[in-house]
Protein backbone atom coordinates (compact mmCIF):
# COMPACT_ATOMS: atom_id res chain seq x y z
CA MET A 1 124.98 96.74 91.75
CA ILE A 2 124.69 100.37 90.70
CA GLN A 3 126.97 102.41 88.44
CA PHE A 4 127.37 106.15 88.00
CA LEU A 5 129.95 108.72 87.01
CA LEU A 6 131.71 110.81 89.63
CA ASN A 7 132.53 113.63 87.25
CA ARG A 8 133.93 111.29 84.58
CA GLU A 9 135.19 108.53 86.88
CA LEU A 10 133.10 105.35 86.75
CA ARG A 11 131.93 104.28 90.21
CA THR A 12 130.48 100.82 90.83
CA GLU A 13 128.87 99.97 94.16
CA HIS A 14 127.89 96.40 95.03
CA ALA A 15 127.29 96.29 98.77
CA LEU A 16 126.78 99.87 99.92
CA ASP A 17 124.08 100.53 102.52
CA PRO A 18 121.20 102.04 100.50
CA ASN A 19 120.45 104.35 103.46
CA VAL A 20 123.67 106.24 102.73
CA THR A 21 123.01 109.70 101.37
CA VAL A 22 125.10 111.28 98.63
CA LEU A 23 126.32 113.80 101.21
CA ASN A 24 127.69 111.12 103.54
CA TYR A 25 129.01 109.08 100.62
CA LEU A 26 131.07 112.03 99.44
CA ARG A 27 132.34 113.08 102.84
CA GLU A 28 132.78 109.75 104.64
CA HIS A 29 133.40 107.23 101.86
CA LEU A 30 135.31 109.34 99.33
CA GLY A 31 136.90 111.97 101.56
CA LYS A 32 135.42 114.86 99.58
CA PRO A 33 134.45 117.45 102.23
CA GLY A 34 133.61 120.31 99.86
CA THR A 35 129.90 119.43 100.01
CA LYS A 36 128.67 120.66 103.42
CA GLU A 37 125.95 119.59 105.81
CA GLY A 38 124.03 122.54 107.15
CA CYS A 39 120.58 121.26 108.03
CA ALA A 40 120.21 117.65 106.76
CA SER A 41 116.68 118.55 105.70
CA GLY A 42 117.06 120.28 102.32
CA ASP A 43 116.50 123.78 103.66
CA CYS A 44 119.87 125.52 103.48
CA GLY A 45 121.47 124.41 100.20
CA ALA A 46 124.98 123.96 101.62
CA CYS A 47 124.98 120.38 100.33
CA THR A 48 123.97 121.28 96.76
CA VAL A 49 125.45 119.07 94.05
CA VAL A 50 124.71 118.81 90.34
CA VAL A 51 123.51 115.68 88.59
CA GLY A 52 123.85 115.21 84.84
CA GLU A 53 121.35 113.04 82.97
CA LEU A 54 121.04 112.10 79.31
CA ASP A 55 118.68 114.26 77.28
CA GLY A 56 119.05 112.86 73.79
CA GLU A 57 122.62 113.58 72.71
CA ARG A 58 123.08 116.27 75.36
CA ILE A 59 123.38 116.32 79.12
CA ARG A 60 120.81 118.05 81.30
CA TYR A 61 122.21 119.42 84.55
CA ARG A 62 120.11 119.71 87.70
CA THR A 63 120.84 120.79 91.25
CA LEU A 64 119.95 118.42 94.09
CA ASN A 65 120.26 118.41 97.86
CA ALA A 66 122.88 115.76 98.60
CA CYS A 67 121.59 115.41 102.16
CA LEU A 68 118.21 114.13 100.87
CA THR A 69 119.46 112.00 97.99
CA PHE A 70 120.24 108.33 98.52
CA VAL A 71 123.19 107.01 96.52
CA SER A 72 120.93 104.55 94.68
CA ALA A 73 119.32 107.53 92.89
CA LEU A 74 122.64 108.16 91.10
CA HIS A 75 122.42 104.93 89.11
CA GLY A 76 123.12 105.69 85.45
CA LYS A 77 123.80 109.39 86.08
CA GLN A 78 126.72 111.79 86.47
CA LEU A 79 127.49 113.42 89.81
CA ILE A 80 129.40 116.71 89.82
CA THR A 81 130.66 118.26 93.06
CA VAL A 82 132.49 121.48 93.87
CA GLU A 83 135.82 119.61 93.78
CA ASP A 84 135.26 118.87 90.08
CA LEU A 85 135.03 122.49 88.92
CA LYS A 86 138.64 123.62 89.20
CA HIS A 87 140.52 122.43 86.11
CA LYS A 88 144.27 122.40 85.44
CA GLY A 89 144.90 124.77 88.31
CA GLN A 90 142.28 127.30 87.15
CA LEU A 91 139.09 128.13 89.01
CA HIS A 92 135.89 127.59 87.09
CA SER A 93 134.27 130.82 85.92
CA VAL A 94 131.52 130.57 88.58
CA GLN A 95 134.15 130.15 91.31
CA GLN A 96 136.15 133.06 89.93
CA ALA A 97 133.02 135.20 89.87
CA MET A 98 132.46 134.54 93.57
CA VAL A 99 136.03 135.68 94.23
CA ASP A 100 135.80 138.75 92.02
CA CYS A 101 132.47 139.88 93.46
CA HIS A 102 133.34 139.12 97.11
CA GLY A 103 130.48 136.64 97.37
CA SER A 104 132.04 134.55 100.14
CA GLN A 105 132.75 135.38 103.76
CA CYS A 106 132.83 132.45 106.21
CA GLY A 107 132.68 130.17 103.16
CA PHE A 108 130.47 127.44 104.61
CA CYS A 109 127.59 128.07 102.21
CA THR A 110 129.84 128.93 99.26
CA PRO A 111 130.17 125.45 97.68
CA GLY A 112 126.39 125.16 97.52
CA PHE A 113 126.02 128.57 95.93
CA VAL A 114 128.78 127.74 93.45
CA MET A 115 127.04 124.53 92.39
CA SER A 116 123.69 126.30 91.99
CA MET A 117 125.40 128.96 89.86
CA PHE A 118 127.15 126.26 87.84
CA ALA A 119 123.82 124.65 86.93
CA LEU A 120 122.31 128.08 86.26
CA GLN A 121 125.15 128.93 83.90
CA LYS A 122 124.78 125.61 82.10
CA ASN A 123 121.04 126.04 81.66
CA SER A 124 120.92 129.71 80.59
CA ASP A 125 121.92 131.78 77.57
CA GLY A 126 122.66 134.90 79.62
CA PHE A 127 121.75 136.67 82.82
CA ASP A 128 118.11 136.85 83.88
CA LYS A 129 117.49 138.12 87.38
CA GLY A 130 114.27 136.12 87.84
CA ASP A 131 115.97 132.86 86.84
CA THR A 132 118.90 133.72 89.08
CA LEU A 133 116.75 134.37 92.12
CA GLU A 134 114.91 131.10 91.51
CA ALA A 135 118.17 129.16 91.12
CA LEU A 136 119.61 130.62 94.35
CA ALA A 137 116.46 130.66 96.48
CA GLY A 138 117.33 127.28 98.00
CA ASN A 139 120.76 128.45 99.17
CA LEU A 140 121.00 130.39 102.42
CA CYS A 141 123.84 132.75 103.37
CA ARG A 142 124.06 133.90 106.97
CA CYS A 143 126.90 136.42 106.80
CA THR A 144 127.72 137.91 103.41
CA GLY A 145 124.31 138.97 102.15
CA TYR A 146 122.98 138.18 98.72
CA ARG A 147 123.87 141.22 96.60
CA PRO A 148 127.48 140.18 95.87
CA ILE A 149 126.32 136.61 95.25
CA ILE A 150 123.77 137.81 92.70
CA ASP A 151 126.50 139.98 91.17
CA ALA A 152 128.66 136.85 90.89
CA ALA A 153 125.84 135.00 89.15
CA GLU A 154 125.45 137.87 86.70
CA GLN A 155 129.18 137.84 85.91
CA ALA A 156 129.22 134.06 85.51
CA CYS A 157 126.21 134.02 83.16
CA CYS A 158 127.19 137.08 81.11
CA ASN A 159 130.79 135.99 80.63
CA ARG A 160 130.22 132.30 80.12
CA GLN A 161 133.13 130.55 78.45
CA PRO A 162 133.36 126.92 77.27
CA ASP A 163 134.68 124.76 80.11
CA GLN A 164 136.00 121.23 80.59
CA PHE A 165 132.47 119.85 80.80
CA ASP A 166 131.60 121.27 77.38
CA ALA A 167 134.82 119.87 75.91
CA ALA A 168 134.12 116.40 77.29
CA GLU A 169 130.37 116.34 76.66
CA ALA A 170 130.44 113.87 73.74
CA GLU A 171 132.63 111.48 75.70
CA THR A 172 130.49 111.85 78.80
CA VAL A 173 127.35 111.16 76.78
CA ALA A 174 128.98 107.96 75.50
CA GLN A 175 129.87 106.97 79.07
CA LEU A 176 126.32 107.59 80.28
CA LYS A 177 124.89 105.57 77.41
CA ALA A 178 127.20 102.70 78.33
CA ILE A 179 125.93 102.59 81.92
CA ALA A 180 122.28 103.36 81.17
CA PRO A 181 120.07 100.98 83.21
CA ARG A 182 118.81 98.05 81.15
CA ALA A 183 117.32 95.78 83.81
CA THR A 184 116.16 95.93 87.40
CA ALA A 185 119.15 96.73 89.59
CA GLU A 186 119.67 96.20 93.30
CA LEU A 187 121.90 97.80 95.90
CA ASN A 188 122.24 95.29 98.73
CA SER A 189 124.27 95.58 101.91
CA GLY A 190 123.04 92.28 103.34
CA ASP A 191 120.45 93.52 105.83
CA LYS A 192 119.23 96.44 103.73
CA ARG A 193 118.48 96.73 100.03
CA CYS A 194 117.10 99.04 97.39
CA LEU A 195 115.48 97.72 94.20
CA LEU A 196 115.50 99.81 91.02
CA PRO A 197 112.87 98.64 88.47
CA LEU A 198 112.59 100.04 84.95
CA THR A 199 108.90 99.43 84.16
CA VAL A 200 105.56 99.86 85.89
CA ALA A 201 104.98 96.11 85.55
CA ASP A 202 108.28 95.37 87.29
CA LEU A 203 107.41 97.84 90.04
CA ALA A 204 104.01 96.20 90.53
CA ASP A 205 105.60 92.75 90.82
CA LEU A 206 108.32 93.92 93.20
CA TYR A 207 105.90 95.82 95.41
CA THR A 208 103.53 92.85 95.56
CA ALA A 209 106.44 90.65 96.63
CA ASN A 210 107.75 93.28 99.08
CA PRO A 211 104.70 95.14 100.43
CA GLN A 212 106.75 96.33 103.42
CA ALA A 213 109.11 98.24 101.12
CA ARG A 214 109.17 102.04 101.12
CA LEU A 215 108.69 103.60 97.71
CA LEU A 216 111.46 106.06 96.90
CA ALA A 217 110.87 108.73 94.27
CA GLY A 218 112.56 112.07 94.98
CA GLY A 219 113.18 111.12 98.59
CA THR A 220 112.80 114.70 99.79
CA ASP A 221 110.37 113.52 102.47
CA LEU A 222 111.40 109.89 102.94
CA ALA A 223 115.08 110.71 103.47
CA LEU A 224 114.16 112.77 106.53
CA GLU A 225 113.40 109.53 108.34
CA VAL A 226 117.09 108.70 108.02
CA THR A 227 118.67 112.15 108.38
CA GLN A 228 116.35 113.65 111.02
CA PHE A 229 114.83 110.70 112.87
CA HIS A 230 117.81 108.33 112.51
CA ARG A 231 115.70 105.39 111.40
CA GLU A 232 116.86 102.65 109.05
CA LEU A 233 114.87 101.73 105.95
CA PRO A 234 115.38 97.99 105.38
CA VAL A 235 113.79 97.82 101.91
CA MET A 236 113.25 100.58 99.36
CA ILE A 237 112.03 100.51 95.77
CA TYR A 238 113.32 103.42 93.68
CA VAL A 239 110.88 104.50 90.95
CA GLY A 240 113.00 107.21 89.33
CA HIS A 241 114.00 105.05 86.34
CA ILE A 242 110.44 104.19 85.27
CA GLU A 243 109.91 106.36 82.19
CA GLU A 244 106.20 105.46 82.03
CA MET A 245 105.77 107.20 85.38
CA LYS A 246 107.70 110.33 84.37
CA ARG A 247 105.54 111.40 81.43
CA VAL A 248 103.28 114.41 81.12
CA GLU A 249 100.61 113.88 78.46
CA VAL A 250 97.96 116.41 77.46
CA THR A 251 94.73 115.29 75.77
CA ALA A 252 91.63 117.24 74.80
CA ASP A 253 90.10 116.79 78.26
CA VAL A 254 92.80 116.01 80.80
CA ILE A 255 96.45 116.27 81.75
CA GLU A 256 97.99 112.95 82.79
CA ILE A 257 101.08 113.23 84.96
CA GLY A 258 103.14 110.20 85.93
CA ALA A 259 103.52 109.93 89.68
CA ALA A 260 107.35 109.90 89.46
CA THR A 261 107.50 113.13 87.43
CA PRO A 262 109.70 115.73 89.17
CA LEU A 263 107.87 118.90 90.07
CA SER A 264 110.16 120.96 87.83
CA ASP A 265 109.03 118.81 84.88
CA CYS A 266 105.36 119.39 85.71
CA TYR A 267 105.75 123.14 85.83
CA GLU A 268 105.43 124.18 82.20
CA THR A 269 102.26 122.20 81.51
CA LEU A 270 100.49 123.09 84.74
CA ALA A 271 101.52 126.76 84.57
CA THR A 272 100.26 127.04 80.99
CA GLU A 273 96.90 125.51 81.86
CA TYR A 274 96.54 127.10 85.31
CA PRO A 275 98.83 130.11 85.86
CA ASP A 276 98.20 130.14 89.60
CA PHE A 277 99.40 126.54 89.82
CA GLY A 278 102.61 127.71 88.22
CA GLU A 279 102.89 130.60 90.69
CA LEU A 280 102.56 128.19 93.58
CA LEU A 281 105.11 125.77 92.14
CA HIS A 282 107.59 128.67 92.01
CA ARG A 283 107.20 128.82 95.78
CA PHE A 284 107.22 125.07 96.35
CA ALA A 285 110.34 124.62 98.50
CA SER A 286 113.49 125.29 96.42
CA LEU A 287 114.63 124.48 92.90
CA GLN A 288 116.78 121.69 94.33
CA ILE A 289 113.69 120.13 95.90
CA ARG A 290 111.53 120.66 92.80
CA ASN A 291 114.19 118.98 90.67
CA GLN A 292 113.95 115.95 92.89
CA GLY A 293 110.54 115.82 94.56
CA THR A 294 107.63 114.39 92.58
CA LEU A 295 103.95 115.21 92.29
CA GLY A 296 103.06 111.64 93.27
CA GLY A 297 105.28 111.85 96.31
CA ASN A 298 103.72 115.11 97.44
CA ILE A 299 100.35 113.35 97.34
CA GLY A 300 101.54 110.02 98.69
CA ASN A 301 103.08 111.33 101.90
CA ALA A 302 99.62 112.61 102.88
CA SER A 303 100.86 115.72 104.64
CA PRO A 304 98.08 118.13 105.67
CA ILE A 305 100.35 121.02 104.59
CA GLY A 306 101.48 119.67 101.23
CA ASP A 307 101.17 122.41 98.63
CA SER A 308 99.82 120.53 95.62
CA PRO A 309 96.87 118.50 97.05
CA PRO A 310 94.58 121.48 97.82
CA LEU A 311 95.02 122.77 94.27
CA LEU A 312 94.50 119.36 92.71
CA ILE A 313 91.41 118.70 94.84
CA ALA A 314 89.89 122.05 93.85
CA LEU A 315 90.51 121.17 90.20
CA GLY A 316 88.73 117.83 90.59
CA ALA A 317 91.85 115.73 90.01
CA SER A 318 91.93 111.98 90.43
CA ILE A 319 94.68 109.41 90.82
CA VAL A 320 95.23 106.00 89.28
CA LEU A 321 96.21 103.42 91.88
CA ARG A 322 97.80 100.13 90.83
CA LYS A 323 98.27 96.82 92.61
CA GLY A 324 99.74 94.01 90.55
CA ASN A 325 97.90 94.09 87.23
CA ASP A 326 94.82 95.80 88.66
CA THR A 327 94.18 99.54 88.60
CA ARG A 328 91.48 101.78 90.01
CA THR A 329 90.79 105.48 89.66
CA LEU A 330 90.01 107.45 92.79
CA ALA A 331 89.02 111.08 93.26
CA LEU A 332 91.94 112.70 95.04
CA GLU A 333 89.70 114.13 97.75
CA ASP A 334 88.77 110.53 98.68
CA TYR A 335 92.40 109.44 98.97
CA PHE A 336 93.00 111.28 102.26
CA LEU A 337 91.19 109.69 105.22
CA ASP A 338 92.91 111.02 108.35
CA TYR A 339 96.26 112.40 109.40
CA LYS A 340 98.81 110.41 107.36
CA VAL A 341 96.11 107.80 106.65
CA THR A 342 95.06 107.18 103.04
CA ALA A 343 92.85 104.87 100.99
CA ARG A 344 95.92 103.17 99.47
CA GLN A 345 95.91 99.43 100.06
CA GLU A 346 98.91 97.27 100.89
CA GLY A 347 101.03 96.75 97.80
CA GLU A 348 99.19 99.54 95.94
CA PHE A 349 100.94 102.60 94.54
CA ILE A 350 100.04 105.82 92.76
CA GLU A 351 100.73 105.39 89.04
CA LYS A 352 99.50 108.70 87.65
CA ILE A 353 97.58 111.86 88.43
CA ILE A 354 94.75 113.01 86.15
CA VAL A 355 93.95 116.73 86.10
CA PRO A 356 90.94 118.09 84.16
CA ARG A 357 91.79 120.81 81.67
CA ALA A 358 90.58 124.38 82.16
CA GLN A 359 87.14 125.44 80.91
CA ASP A 360 86.11 128.80 79.46
CA ASP A 361 83.78 129.73 82.33
CA GLN A 362 86.20 128.58 85.02
CA ALA A 363 87.90 130.88 87.53
CA PHE A 364 90.79 129.26 89.41
CA ARG A 365 93.08 130.89 91.96
CA ALA A 366 95.55 129.51 94.51
CA TYR A 367 97.21 131.21 97.47
CA LYS A 368 99.92 130.23 99.91
CA VAL A 369 100.44 131.89 103.28
CA SER A 370 103.87 131.28 104.81
CA LYS A 371 106.40 133.14 106.92
CA ARG A 372 108.90 133.38 104.05
CA LEU A 373 108.13 133.96 100.40
CA ASP A 374 110.53 131.26 99.18
CA ASP A 375 111.46 127.83 100.47
CA ASP A 376 108.91 127.63 103.25
CA ILE A 377 106.01 125.43 104.31
CA SER A 378 102.43 126.70 104.22
CA ALA A 379 100.56 127.84 107.26
CA VAL A 380 97.48 127.95 105.00
CA CYS A 381 97.16 126.94 101.36
CA ALA A 382 93.91 127.78 99.59
CA ALA A 383 92.50 126.90 96.18
CA PHE A 384 89.27 128.23 94.66
CA ASN A 385 87.69 126.87 91.49
CA LEU A 386 84.41 128.43 90.42
CA ASN A 387 82.25 128.15 87.34
CA LEU A 388 80.59 131.51 86.82
CA ALA A 389 77.80 132.33 84.38
CA GLY A 390 75.17 135.05 84.32
CA GLY A 391 76.46 136.60 87.53
CA LYS A 392 75.91 133.38 89.49
CA VAL A 393 78.09 130.58 90.81
CA ARG A 394 77.18 127.48 88.78
CA GLY A 395 79.73 125.28 90.52
CA ALA A 396 82.22 125.71 93.36
CA ARG A 397 85.14 123.66 94.57
CA VAL A 398 87.03 125.16 97.51
CA SER A 399 89.94 123.34 99.13
CA PHE A 400 92.43 124.11 101.89
CA GLY A 401 95.63 122.73 103.30
CA GLY A 402 96.85 123.51 106.81
CA MET A 403 93.31 123.81 108.14
CA ALA A 404 92.66 120.19 109.11
CA ALA A 405 94.40 116.83 109.51
CA ILE A 406 94.11 116.32 105.75
CA PRO A 407 93.83 118.49 102.64
CA LYS A 408 90.08 119.03 102.55
CA ARG A 409 87.22 120.60 100.65
CA ALA A 410 85.17 123.28 102.38
CA SER A 411 81.72 121.75 101.86
CA ALA A 412 79.71 124.29 103.89
CA CYS A 413 81.43 127.15 102.09
CA GLU A 414 80.73 125.51 98.73
CA ALA A 415 77.05 125.03 99.66
CA VAL A 416 76.70 128.76 100.27
CA LEU A 417 78.37 129.62 96.97
CA ASN A 418 76.64 127.11 94.69
CA GLY A 419 73.75 128.71 92.84
CA ALA A 420 74.14 132.04 94.62
CA PRO A 421 74.82 135.46 93.08
CA TRP A 422 78.53 136.19 92.87
CA ASN A 423 78.58 139.27 95.09
CA GLN A 424 80.03 140.57 98.34
CA ALA A 425 77.10 139.39 100.44
CA THR A 426 77.46 135.82 99.19
CA VAL A 427 81.19 135.87 99.82
CA GLU A 428 80.68 137.07 103.41
CA ARG A 429 78.21 134.25 104.09
CA ALA A 430 80.70 131.79 102.56
CA CYS A 431 83.42 133.17 104.83
CA GLU A 432 81.23 132.54 107.86
CA ALA A 433 80.62 128.99 106.65
CA LEU A 434 84.35 128.28 106.72
CA ALA A 435 84.09 128.24 110.51
CA GLU A 436 81.73 125.25 110.11
CA ASP A 437 84.15 123.48 107.77
CA PHE A 438 87.32 123.79 109.82
CA THR A 439 88.54 123.83 113.40
CA PRO A 440 92.24 124.40 112.77
CA LEU A 441 95.00 123.76 115.28
CA SER A 442 97.54 126.18 116.68
CA ASP A 443 101.20 125.35 116.17
CA PHE A 444 104.51 127.14 115.64
CA ARG A 445 103.48 128.22 112.13
CA ALA A 446 100.22 129.92 113.06
CA SER A 447 97.46 130.06 115.64
CA LYS A 448 94.04 128.59 114.95
CA GLU A 449 92.54 132.09 114.93
CA TYR A 450 95.08 133.32 112.41
CA ARG A 451 94.47 130.31 110.16
CA LEU A 452 90.71 130.75 110.10
CA LEU A 453 90.92 134.50 109.50
CA SER A 454 93.50 133.93 106.74
CA ALA A 455 91.26 131.39 105.05
CA GLN A 456 88.35 133.82 105.11
CA ASN A 457 90.48 136.70 103.85
CA LEU A 458 91.83 134.59 100.99
CA LEU A 459 88.26 134.00 99.82
CA ARG A 460 87.69 137.76 99.97
CA LYS A 461 90.93 138.28 98.05
CA PHE A 462 89.71 135.85 95.38
CA PHE A 463 86.48 137.83 95.03
CA LEU A 464 88.35 141.12 94.71
CA GLU A 465 90.69 139.73 92.07
CA LEU A 466 87.80 138.55 89.92
CA ASN A 467 85.63 141.62 90.40
CA ALA A 468 88.22 144.40 90.46
CA PRO A 469 90.91 143.50 87.94
CA GLU A 470 92.18 147.07 88.01
CA VAL A 471 93.47 146.36 91.54
CA GLU A 472 94.70 142.89 90.66
CA THR A 473 96.66 141.30 93.51
CA ARG A 474 97.78 138.12 91.87
CA VAL A 475 101.06 137.90 93.77
CA THR A 476 100.61 134.90 96.02
CA ALA A 477 99.90 135.90 99.61
CA TYR A 478 102.53 135.63 102.28
CA VAL A 479 103.26 137.12 105.66
């Protein structure tokens, strides 16, 4: 059984198919068609909803893609849809702003934009264009254009007035406390089930007993098997309620990040320590995806074009793997064996990611090449981590995504750099060595020739940034 609030209405589900997404639950089970399906892959934002979660005595609001969220992930939370905004016959201020600023034309994308603006308004003290563009980057409009929509966001944030959600916050907090998970829950439809443990120990026991289960964190990748490939997932284990796996802890030497930590919760720490990591996370899919997807999931799905693994490998990160009561620590570069093949054993899961802290003589940069600046997948992702002293390279870690079947270090390139003078001649030899490290494929994102040339040019870009700060080009590359 799972319980959640639909606005402020308590919903209890005993036998619902755990493969049902929030989008289909709203449209097909509840008859609420305001939330739209545009792509069923988290790319267009038409299905955007807002989820409220307890944050002390307040509620934290986050946007999610309903098409990629299984209903089991709502357990203990509040779900707000576009139908909930109008109150006593009056449009909500974000809806009224869309009307006033002519932000809607065909209207298909409008509910998603409205929900993104609602969360933006709740989470801001006024209008900030950067925050607005980030909040709306995961919502696509194909007819109106974005200027009137941005104008609507400005009006909504500048003229924010208390609404029905503010008035009912104390009562909603009490409701959420009453349904807060206190033991392992299960959503079971007979032939399919989803288990929802609360502790790492419970997860370890459940996964040992059900090694065939699919681990569900954000679901932004796993849900595609249902929505795009029309497969059924007989057994899932949802890890989103395990607080031990959602912590970010900073010590003198390392940053420890729980594998179930949403990417948006990793941002502040990683961006403070490594600004380029923060720049890349700004371009990691959309805010809806970052609110839901996890760092552990981005590693665990073993995609050769995942954005975080090349950066983490270049930084010398490791992961803690757990099976039952046993744990082992593995260098992240050794986790990836072949395309979608990893060193993870049956019944073993990623518990945390360990990232070394920055050093004084360390130069770290990361670059992403993609067809769109926002909400797009990398053609090439590069990360460079050098220790420089006395005009020489004392240590080099160079890693790429999109260049091979796995995220991979460029060992021949590193061999040229290590111990060599940090100058243009060394960089050119290292660029030539990249052709020994990688034989990339051609696909619809880029040709093999383009990928190799891009990788080489990104190394040159790194050199220019370090050696000619007056022509700094820190904006992440894109085409």
